[in-house]
Structure formats: structure tokens, C-alpha cells
Amino acid sequence: MPQVITVNGFRLYFYSNEHDPAHIHIKKGDGYAKINLETFEIIDSISMKQKELKEVVVIVKENQKLCLEAWNERKK
């Protein structure tokens, strides 16, 4: 499970056998979310508060390039 980055306690990662579309998994404490790296749509979330979801979308937007580079590198 390659970890891309940790910001404000949010761990952004993906699995090595991921499927399209490009997305990132986010974990903090008991909270979890999955966000599309192109549209920033929240695909899934469990036990993450609305405030945390808003924050994590901002984090993903700010780190989109890094996340997409890691996503594409994994496919090589």
C-alpha cells in the first residue's frame, strides 16, 4: 500500500493493484475517504466528519500533481 503523503494527520495512499479512475484513499483515525483525483468527487467516506471531508478535498487538490504522479508511476 504505497503512501503518497501525510498532511495534518491525513494519510493519502493507494493500493498497488488499483483500478481506474485515478483515485486516492485517505485515512485519519477511524475516518476514511476515497476521492477521485480528476474531479475531486468524494467516492466513499466512513466516519469522517463533513469538516474533515472539506479539508481533505482541499489537501487532495493542493497535492493533485504529486498524487497523479505516484498513481502513474505505480502503473509502470
Protein backbone atom coordinates (compact mmCIF):
# COMPACT_ATOMS: atom_id res chain seq x y z
CA MET A 1 0.00 0.00 0.00
CA PRO A 2 2.10 2.93 -1.26
CA GLN A 3 1.70 6.03 0.88
CA VAL A 4 1.90 9.27 -1.06
CA ILE A 5 1.88 11.92 1.66
CA THR A 6 0.64 12.74 5.16
CA VAL A 7 -0.84 16.19 5.80
CA ASN A 8 -2.46 17.35 9.07
CA GLY A 9 -2.75 13.72 10.15
CA PHE A 10 -4.50 12.64 6.92
CA ARG A 11 -2.63 9.75 5.29
CA LEU A 12 -3.07 9.68 1.50
CA TYR A 13 -2.36 6.33 -0.12
CA PHE A 14 -3.44 3.87 -2.77
CA TYR A 15 -3.16 0.13 -3.29
CA SER A 16 -0.69 -1.35 -5.79
CA ASN A 17 -3.47 -3.17 -7.69
CA GLU A 18 -5.75 -0.14 -8.09
CA HIS A 19 -8.25 0.32 -10.90
CA ASP A 20 -9.26 3.37 -12.90
CA PRO A 21 -10.40 6.07 -12.49
CA ALA A 22 -7.42 7.55 -10.66
CA HIS A 23 -8.32 8.00 -7.00
CA ILE A 24 -6.69 8.29 -3.59
CA HIS A 25 -7.60 6.74 -0.24
CA ILE A 26 -7.42 8.93 2.85
CA LYS A 27 -7.29 7.74 6.47
CA LYS A 28 -7.22 9.66 9.73
CA GLY A 29 -8.07 7.92 12.98
CA ASP A 30 -11.29 5.97 12.42
CA GLY A 31 -12.21 8.13 9.41
CA TYR A 32 -11.80 7.05 5.80
CA ALA A 33 -12.50 8.61 2.42
CA LYS A 34 -11.79 7.88 -1.23
CA ILE A 35 -11.53 10.80 -3.67
CA ASN A 36 -11.33 10.93 -7.47
CA LEU A 37 -8.06 12.63 -8.47
CA GLU A 38 -9.52 14.22 -11.59
CA THR A 39 -12.90 15.54 -10.39
CA PHE A 40 -12.25 15.64 -6.61
CA GLU A 41 -15.56 13.82 -6.12
CA ILE A 42 -15.84 12.02 -2.79
CA ILE A 43 -16.39 8.44 -3.93
CA ASP A 44 -16.75 6.96 -0.45
CA SER A 45 -16.43 8.01 3.17
CA ILE A 46 -16.80 6.31 6.53
CA SER A 47 -16.77 8.02 9.94
CA MET A 48 -15.30 11.24 8.57
CA LYS A 49 -16.98 14.48 9.58
CA GLN A 50 -18.12 17.00 6.97
CA LYS A 51 -15.44 19.46 8.12
CA GLU A 52 -12.76 16.79 7.66
CA LEU A 53 -14.09 15.89 4.21
CA LYS A 54 -13.88 19.53 3.14
CA GLU A 55 -10.33 19.76 4.47
CA VAL A 56 -9.23 16.57 2.76
CA VAL A 57 -10.65 17.70 -0.60
CA VAL A 58 -8.52 20.85 -0.29
CA ILE A 59 -5.47 18.73 0.57
CA VAL A 60 -6.05 16.47 -2.44
CA LYS A 61 -6.49 19.50 -4.74
CA GLU A 62 -3.26 21.04 -3.44
CA ASN A 63 -1.40 17.76 -3.94
CA GLN A 64 -3.12 16.54 -7.11
CA LYS A 65 0.05 16.61 -9.20
CA LEU A 66 2.00 14.59 -6.64
CA CYS A 67 -0.83 12.07 -6.27
CA LEU A 68 -1.25 11.63 -10.02
CA GLU A 69 2.50 11.21 -10.50
CA ALA A 70 2.51 8.47 -7.84
CA TRP A 71 -0.59 6.89 -9.42
CA ASN A 72 1.03 6.80 -12.88
CA GLU A 73 4.39 5.62 -11.54
CA ARG A 74 2.69 2.67 -9.88
CA LYS A 75 1.33 1.50 -13.25
CA LYS A 76 4.83 1.18 -14.81
